[in-house]
Structures are given as structure tokens and as C-alpha cells.
PDB file of N, CA and C in Angstrom:
ATOM      1  N   UNK A   1     -70.270 139.277   8.267  1.00  0.00           N
ATOM      2  CA  UNK A   1     -70.209 139.053   6.903  1.00  0.00           C
ATOM      3  C   UNK A   1     -69.996 139.019   5.852  1.00  0.00           C
ATOM      4  N   UNK A   2     -68.798 138.663   4.182  1.00  0.00           N
ATOM      5  CA  UNK A   2     -68.045 138.788   4.414  1.00  0.00           C
ATOM      6  C   UNK A   2     -68.272 139.985   3.252  1.00  0.00           C
ATOM      7  N   UNK A   3     -66.797 141.108   2.814  1.00  0.00           N
ATOM      8  CA  UNK A   3     -67.469 142.143   2.212  1.00  0.00           C
ATOM      9  C   UNK A   3     -67.658 141.956   0.999  1.00  0.00           C
ATOM     10  N   UNK A   4     -68.595 141.697  -0.332  1.00  0.00           N
ATOM     11  CA  UNK A   4     -67.772 141.984  -1.635  1.00  0.00           C
ATOM     12  C   UNK A   4     -68.260 143.019  -2.874  1.00  0.00           C
ATOM     13  N   UNK A   5     -67.234 143.118  -3.434  1.00  0.00           N
ATOM     14  CA  UNK A   5     -67.331 144.686  -3.910  1.00  0.00           C
ATOM     15  C   UNK A   5     -67.649 143.402  -5.485  1.00  0.00           C
ATOM     16  N   UNK A   6     -68.312 144.331  -5.935  1.00  0.00           N
ATOM     17  CA  UNK A   6     -68.882 144.224  -7.697  1.00  0.00           C
ATOM     18  C   UNK A   6     -68.493 145.573  -8.778  1.00  0.00           C
ATOM     19  N   UNK A   7     -68.342 144.608  -9.357  1.00  0.00           N
ATOM     20  CA  UNK A   7     -67.586 145.698 -11.015  1.00  0.00           C
ATOM     21  C   UNK A   7     -69.009 145.725 -11.969  1.00  0.00           C
ATOM     22  N   UNK A   8     -70.054 145.953 -12.806  1.00  0.00           N
ATOM     23  CA  UNK A   8     -70.604 145.491 -13.402  1.00  0.00           C
ATOM     24  C   UNK A   8     -69.719 146.218 -15.003  1.00  0.00           C
ATOM     25  N   UNK A   9     -69.712 144.611 -15.549  1.00  0.00           N
ATOM     26  CA  UNK A   9     -69.672 144.878 -17.365  1.00  0.00           C
ATOM     27  C   UNK A   9     -70.672 144.900 -17.676  1.00  0.00           C
ATOM     28  N   UNK A  10     -71.232 145.035 -19.050  1.00  0.00           N
ATOM     29  CA  UNK A  10     -71.749 145.336 -19.727  1.00  0.00           C
ATOM     30  C   UNK A  10     -72.628 144.252 -19.928  1.00  0.00           C
ATOM     31  N   UNK A  11     -73.004 142.687 -20.007  1.00  0.00           N
ATOM     32  CA  UNK A  11     -73.533 141.599 -19.722  1.00  0.00           C
ATOM     33  C   UNK A  11     -72.793 140.696 -18.558  1.00  0.00           C
ATOM     34  N   UNK A  12     -71.721 140.764 -17.368  1.00  0.00           N
ATOM     35  CA  UNK A  12     -72.272 140.480 -16.364  1.00  0.00           C
ATOM     36  C   UNK A  12     -71.631 140.764 -15.008  1.00  0.00           C
ATOM     37  N   UNK A  13     -71.829 140.677 -13.857  1.00  0.00           N
ATOM     38  CA  UNK A  13     -71.290 141.485 -12.878  1.00  0.00           C
ATOM     39  C   UNK A  13     -70.048 140.989 -13.006  1.00  0.00           C
ATOM     40  N   UNK A  14     -68.505 141.102 -11.603  1.00  0.00           N
ATOM     41  CA  UNK A  14     -67.555 140.307 -12.262  1.00  0.00           C
ATOM     42  C   UNK A  14     -67.415 140.546 -10.094  1.00  0.00           C
ATOM     43  N   UNK A  15     -67.285 139.401  -9.964  1.00  0.00           N
ATOM     44  CA  UNK A  15     -67.945 140.294  -7.429  1.00  0.00           C
ATOM     45  C   UNK A  15     -66.016 139.004  -7.367  1.00  0.00           C
ATOM     46  N   UNK A  16     -66.188 140.573  -6.221  1.00  0.00           N
ATOM     47  CA  UNK A  16     -64.110 140.339  -5.526  1.00  0.00           C
ATOM     48  C   UNK A  16     -64.584 140.384  -4.161  1.00  0.00           C
ATOM     49  N   UNK A  17     -64.086 139.026  -3.613  1.00  0.00           N
ATOM     50  CA  UNK A  17     -64.417 139.189  -2.249  1.00  0.00           C
ATOM     51  C   UNK A  17     -63.332 138.791  -1.615  1.00  0.00           C
ATOM     52  N   UNK A  18     -62.751 140.367  -1.136  1.00  0.00           N
ATOM     53  CA  UNK A  18     -60.830 140.490  -0.614  1.00  0.00           C
ATOM     54  C   UNK A  18     -60.505 139.435   0.327  1.00  0.00           C
ATOM     55  N   UNK A  19     -61.337 139.178   0.841  1.00  0.00           N
ATOM     56  CA  UNK A  19     -61.255 138.141   2.850  1.00  0.00           C
ATOM     57  C   UNK A  19     -60.821 136.834   1.982  1.00  0.00           C
ATOM     58  N   UNK A  20     -60.758 136.329   0.388  1.00  0.00           N
ATOM     59  CA  UNK A  20     -61.447 135.154   0.493  1.00  0.00           C
ATOM     60  C   UNK A  20     -60.337 134.737  -0.232  1.00  0.00           C
ATOM     61  N   UNK A  21     -59.349 136.799  -1.008  1.00  0.00           N
ATOM     62  CA  UNK A  21     -58.070 136.263  -1.690  1.00  0.00           C
ATOM     63  C   UNK A  21     -56.645 136.145  -1.095  1.00  0.00           C
ATOM     64  N   UNK A  22     -56.338 135.259  -1.250  1.00  0.00           N
ATOM     65  CA  UNK A  22     -54.571 134.616  -1.421  1.00  0.00           C
ATOM     66  C   UNK A  22     -53.377 134.961  -2.098  1.00  0.00           C
ATOM     67  N   UNK A  23     -53.415 135.826  -2.800  1.00  0.00           N
ATOM     68  CA  UNK A  23     -52.803 136.517  -3.467  1.00  0.00           C
ATOM     69  C   UNK A  23     -51.595 135.854  -4.272  1.00  0.00           C
ATOM     70  N   UNK A  24     -52.542 134.624  -4.687  1.00  0.00           N
ATOM     71  CA  UNK A  24     -52.173 133.788  -5.757  1.00  0.00           C
ATOM     72  C   UNK A  24     -51.569 134.097  -7.235  1.00  0.00           C
ATOM     73  N   UNK A  25     -51.930 134.959  -7.356  1.00  0.00           N
ATOM     74  CA  UNK A  25     -51.306 136.421  -8.530  1.00  0.00           C
ATOM     75  C   UNK A  25     -52.370 135.690  -9.723  1.00  0.00           C
ATOM     76  N   UNK A  26     -52.968 134.610  -9.446  1.00  0.00           N
ATOM     77  CA  UNK A  26     -53.167 134.186 -11.220  1.00  0.00           C
ATOM     78  C   UNK A  26     -54.206 135.051 -12.290  1.00  0.00           C
ATOM     79  N   UNK A  27     -55.051 135.854 -10.743  1.00  0.00           N
ATOM     80  CA  UNK A  27     -55.686 137.323 -12.541  1.00  0.00           C
ATOM     81  C   UNK A  27     -54.463 137.678 -13.353  1.00  0.00           C
ATOM     82  N   UNK A  28     -54.002 138.686 -12.483  1.00  0.00           N
ATOM     83  CA  UNK A  28     -53.196 139.258 -12.746  1.00  0.00           C
ATOM     84  C   UNK A  28     -52.064 138.552 -13.853  1.00  0.00           C
ATOM     85  N   UNK A  29     -51.817 137.080 -13.922  1.00  0.00           N
ATOM     86  CA  UNK A  29     -50.594 136.570 -14.941  1.00  0.00           C
ATOM     87  C   UNK A  29     -51.476 136.190 -15.929  1.00  0.00           C
ATOM     88  N   UNK A  30     -52.576 136.338 -15.542  1.00  0.00           N
ATOM     89  CA  UNK A  30     -53.830 136.084 -17.039  1.00  0.00           C
ATOM     90  C   UNK A  30     -54.093 137.536 -17.481  1.00  0.00           C
ATOM     91  N   UNK A  31     -54.371 137.648 -17.111  1.00  0.00           N
ATOM     92  CA  UNK A  31     -55.055 139.315 -17.935  1.00  0.00           C
ATOM     93  C   UNK A  31     -54.496 140.642 -17.412  1.00  0.00           C
ATOM     94  N   UNK A  32     -52.566 141.046 -17.293  1.00  0.00           N
ATOM     95  CA  UNK A  32     -52.166 142.037 -16.836  1.00  0.00           C
ATOM     96  C   UNK A  32     -52.817 143.298 -17.391  1.00  0.00           C
ATOM     97  N   UNK A  33     -53.186 142.845 -18.273  1.00  0.00           N
ATOM     98  CA  UNK A  33     -53.962 144.312 -18.540  1.00  0.00           C
ATOM     99  C   UNK A  33     -55.280 145.136 -18.159  1.00  0.00           C
ATOM    100  N   UNK A  34     -56.018 144.033 -17.818  1.00  0.00           N
ATOM    101  CA  UNK A  34     -56.913 143.994 -16.740  1.00  0.00           C
ATOM    102  C   UNK A  34     -57.187 144.266 -15.203  1.00  0.00           C
ATOM    103  N   UNK A  35     -56.354 143.594 -14.874  1.00  0.00           N
ATOM    104  CA  UNK A  35     -55.568 143.577 -12.867  1.00  0.00           C
ATOM    105  C   UNK A  35     -54.746 145.064 -12.785  1.00  0.00           C
ATOM    106  N   UNK A  36     -54.562 145.834 -12.003  1.00  0.00           N
ATOM    107  CA  UNK A  36     -54.376 146.207 -11.347  1.00  0.00           C
ATOM    108  C   UNK A  36     -53.715 146.691  -9.831  1.00  0.00           C
ATOM    109  N   UNK A  37     -53.383 145.920  -9.123  1.00  0.00           N
ATOM    110  CA  UNK A  37     -54.027 145.550  -7.882  1.00  0.00           C
ATOM    111  C   UNK A  37     -53.739 147.235  -6.752  1.00  0.00           C
ATOM    112  N   UNK A  38     -52.569 147.586  -7.433  1.00  0.00           N
ATOM    113  CA  UNK A  38     -51.950 149.101  -6.825  1.00  0.00           C
ATOM    114  C   UNK A  38     -53.062 150.608  -7.032  1.00  0.00           C
ATOM    115  N   UNK A  39     -54.028 150.028  -7.710  1.00  0.00           N
ATOM    116  CA  UNK A  39     -55.296 150.954  -8.680  1.00  0.00           C
ATOM    117  C   UNK A  39     -56.057 150.994  -8.011  1.00  0.00           C
ATOM    118  N   UNK A  40     -56.904 151.814  -7.571  1.00  0.00           N
ATOM    119  CA  UNK A  40     -58.970 151.669  -7.984  1.00  0.00           C
ATOM    120  C   UNK A  40     -59.441 152.961  -7.951  1.00  0.00           C
ATOM    121  N   UNK A  41     -60.440 152.156  -8.698  1.00  0.00           N
ATOM    122  CA  UNK A  41     -60.716 150.597  -8.558  1.00  0.00           C
ATOM    123  C   UNK A  41     -59.644 149.587  -9.673  1.00  0.00           C
ATOM    124  N   UNK A  42     -59.229 148.598  -9.280  1.00  0.00           N
ATOM    125  CA  UNK A  42     -58.233 147.116  -9.542  1.00  0.00           C
ATOM    126  C   UNK A  42     -58.238 146.827 -10.592  1.00  0.00           C
ATOM    127  N   UNK A  43     -59.599 146.384 -10.979  1.00  0.00           N
ATOM    128  CA  UNK A  43     -59.993 145.997 -11.998  1.00  0.00           C
ATOM    129  C   UNK A  43     -60.812 146.784 -13.410  1.00  0.00           C
ATOM    130  N   UNK A  44     -59.908 146.701 -14.064  1.00  0.00           N
ATOM    131  CA  UNK A  44     -60.379 147.566 -15.302  1.00  0.00           C
ATOM    132  C   UNK A  44     -60.873 146.827 -16.702  1.00  0.00           C
ATOM    133  N   UNK A  45     -61.578 147.729 -16.576  1.00  0.00           N
ATOM    134  CA  UNK A  45     -63.812 146.556 -16.903  1.00  0.00           C
ATOM    135  C   UNK A  45     -63.132 146.555 -18.269  1.00  0.00           C
ATOM    136  N   UNK A  46     -62.516 147.582 -18.795  1.00  0.00           N
ATOM    137  CA  UNK A  46     -62.422 148.553 -20.588  1.00  0.00           C
ATOM    138  C   UNK A  46     -61.068 147.550 -20.881  1.00  0.00           C
ATOM    139  N   UNK A  47     -60.493 146.865 -20.574  1.00  0.00           N
ATOM    140  CA  UNK A  47     -59.039 146.452 -21.468  1.00  0.00           C
ATOM    141  C   UNK A  47     -59.316 144.623 -20.999  1.00  0.00           C
ATOM    142  N   UNK A  48     -60.401 143.732 -20.789  1.00  0.00           N
ATOM    143  CA  UNK A  48     -60.707 142.864 -21.867  1.00  0.00           C
ATOM    144  C   UNK A  48     -62.695 142.607 -21.406  1.00  0.00           C
ATOM    145  N   UNK A  49     -62.504 141.348 -22.798  1.00  0.00           N
ATOM    146  CA  UNK A  49     -63.455 141.310 -23.449  1.00  0.00           C
ATOM    147  C   UNK A  49     -64.380 140.441 -21.546  1.00  0.00           C
ATOM    148  N   UNK A  50     -65.722 140.517 -22.239  1.00  0.00           N
ATOM    149  CA  UNK A  50     -66.180 139.638 -21.244  1.00  0.00           C
ATOM    150  C   UNK A  50     -65.846 138.616 -20.869  1.00  0.00           C
ATOM    151  N   UNK A  51     -65.988 137.565 -21.852  1.00  0.00           N
ATOM    152  CA  UNK A  51     -65.646 136.253 -22.085  1.00  0.00           C
ATOM    153  C   UNK A  51     -64.121 136.269 -21.477  1.00  0.00           C
ATOM    154  N   UNK A  52     -63.187 136.557 -21.949  1.00  0.00           N
ATOM    155  CA  UNK A  52     -61.901 137.103 -21.727  1.00  0.00           C
ATOM    156  C   UNK A  52     -61.978 136.715 -19.262  1.00  0.00           C
ATOM    157  N   UNK A  53     -62.380 138.142 -19.624  1.00  0.00           N
ATOM    158  CA  UNK A  53     -62.783 137.536 -17.125  1.00  0.00           C
ATOM    159  C   UNK A  53     -63.019 136.289 -16.963  1.00  0.00           C
ATOM    160  N   UNK A  54     -64.347 136.341 -17.758  1.00  0.00           N
ATOM    161  CA  UNK A  54     -65.196 134.660 -17.581  1.00  0.00           C
ATOM    162  C   UNK A  54     -63.502 133.951 -17.286  1.00  0.00           C
ATOM    163  N   UNK A  55     -63.150 133.740 -18.248  1.00  0.00           N
ATOM    164  CA  UNK A  55     -61.871 133.077 -18.914  1.00  0.00           C
ATOM    165  C   UNK A  55     -61.113 132.392 -17.899  1.00  0.00           C
ATOM    166  N   UNK A  56     -61.184 133.625 -17.216  1.00  0.00           N
ATOM    167  CA  UNK A  56     -59.702 134.189 -15.820  1.00  0.00           C
ATOM    168  C   UNK A  56     -60.023 133.882 -14.748  1.00  0.00           C
ATOM    169  N   UNK A  57     -61.380 134.198 -14.937  1.00  0.00           N
ATOM    170  CA  UNK A  57     -61.823 134.032 -12.742  1.00  0.00           C
ATOM    171  C   UNK A  57     -62.719 133.066 -12.687  1.00  0.00           C
ATOM    172  N   UNK A  58     -62.897 131.690 -13.841  1.00  0.00           N
ATOM    173  CA  UNK A  58     -62.676 130.271 -13.787  1.00  0.00           C
ATOM    174  C   UNK A  58     -61.467 130.056 -13.334  1.00  0.00           C
ATOM    175  N   UNK A  59     -60.360 130.435 -13.580  1.00  0.00           N
ATOM    176  CA  UNK A  59     -58.670 129.815 -12.742  1.00  0.00           C
ATOM    177  C   UNK A  59     -58.572 130.588 -11.122  1.00  0.00           C
ATOM    178  N   UNK A  60     -59.711 130.874 -10.963  1.00  0.00           N
ATOM    179  CA  UNK A  60     -59.103 131.690  -8.961  1.00  0.00           C
ATOM    180  C   UNK A  60     -59.270 130.774  -8.295  1.00  0.00           C
ATOM    181  N   UNK A  61     -58.428 130.741  -7.746  1.00  0.00           N
ATOM    182  CA  UNK A  61     -57.890 129.123  -7.026  1.00  0.00           C
ATOM    183  C   UNK A  61     -58.959 129.416  -5.531  1.00  0.00           C
ATOM    184  N   UNK A  62     -58.321 130.633  -5.078  1.00  0.00           N
ATOM    185  CA  UNK A  62     -59.087 131.133  -3.525  1.00  0.00           C
ATOM    186  C   UNK A  62     -60.696 130.767  -4.178  1.00  0.00           C
ATOM    187  N   UNK A  63     -61.080 131.096  -5.455  1.00  0.00           N
ATOM    188  CA  UNK A  63     -62.830 132.063  -5.494  1.00  0.00           C
ATOM    189  C   UNK A  63     -63.394 132.993  -4.841  1.00  0.00           C
ATOM    190  N   UNK A  64     -61.915 134.214  -4.390  1.00  0.00           N
ATOM    191  CA  UNK A  64     -62.265 135.219  -4.493  1.00  0.00           C
ATOM    192  C   UNK A  64     -62.720 135.995  -5.554  1.00  0.00           C
ATOM    193  N   UNK A  65     -62.732 135.641  -6.830  1.00  0.00           N
ATOM    194  CA  UNK A  65     -63.152 136.398  -7.318  1.00  0.00           C
ATOM    195  C   UNK A  65     -64.115 134.859  -8.079  1.00  0.00           C
ATOM    196  N   UNK A  66     -65.614 136.137  -8.943  1.00  0.00           N
ATOM    197  CA  UNK A  66     -66.473 135.278  -9.554  1.00  0.00           C
ATOM    198  C   UNK A  66     -67.402 136.387 -10.552  1.00  0.00           C
ATOM    199  N   UNK A  67     -68.175 135.498 -10.852  1.00  0.00           N
ATOM    200  CA  UNK A  67     -69.882 136.547 -12.170  1.00  0.00           C
ATOM    201  C   UNK A  67     -70.169 136.346 -12.370  1.00  0.00           C
ATOM    202  N   UNK A  68     -71.532 136.645 -12.459  1.00  0.00           N
ATOM    203  CA  UNK A  68     -72.988 136.608 -13.526  1.00  0.00           C
ATOM    204  C   UNK A  68     -73.548 136.875 -13.874  1.00  0.00           C
ATOM    205  N   UNK A  69     -74.077 136.578 -14.994  1.00  0.00           N
ATOM    206  CA  UNK A  69     -74.452 137.430 -16.203  1.00  0.00           C
ATOM    207  C   UNK A  69     -75.844 137.693 -16.219  1.00  0.00           C
ATOM    208  N   UNK A  70     -75.810 139.653 -15.971  1.00  0.00           N
ATOM    209  CA  UNK A  70     -76.648 140.268 -16.313  1.00  0.00           C
ATOM    210  C   UNK A  70     -77.939 140.343 -17.223  1.00  0.00           C
ATOM    211  N   UNK A  71     -78.700 140.044 -16.757  1.00  0.00           N
ATOM    212  CA  UNK A  71     -80.531 139.929 -17.374  1.00  0.00           C
ATOM    213  C   UNK A  71     -80.499 140.909 -17.629  1.00  0.00           C
TER     214      UNK A  71
END
């Protein structure tokens, strides 16, 4: 089973499956203020809006990043 990490932000939860990541760096290039791969946690939820995260995650070429809306 693949390991997936979740990062909860107000109205969405961001998911990251490290084994799927192709290291294309689309996330870092699109939202450099929110993604810091050398830090833990590497996703800084406070540095981007949910809308910005969703738009960026939709561009993830590997599908390593995902999200779902919290109910």
C-alpha cells in the first residue's frame, strides 16, 4: 500500500503520495512561497489560499499531489 500524507487546510485537505512524485518541481515553480521541499512539513498551508493550491495541484504531472474538499 502506498504511503500518502495529508495536510489539512480550512476547506480542503491536500494529499501527497511520495512514491508517485516525479520531481518535476511544478509545485515549487508555481507556488514557491508554499512549497519548501527541504523543510518539514514541506507544504506551508498558510502561504497560499485553497484556491491557489487547487489550481496548482491540478497541474501536478505525476498525480503525487491531490486534494479533496472537507465537509
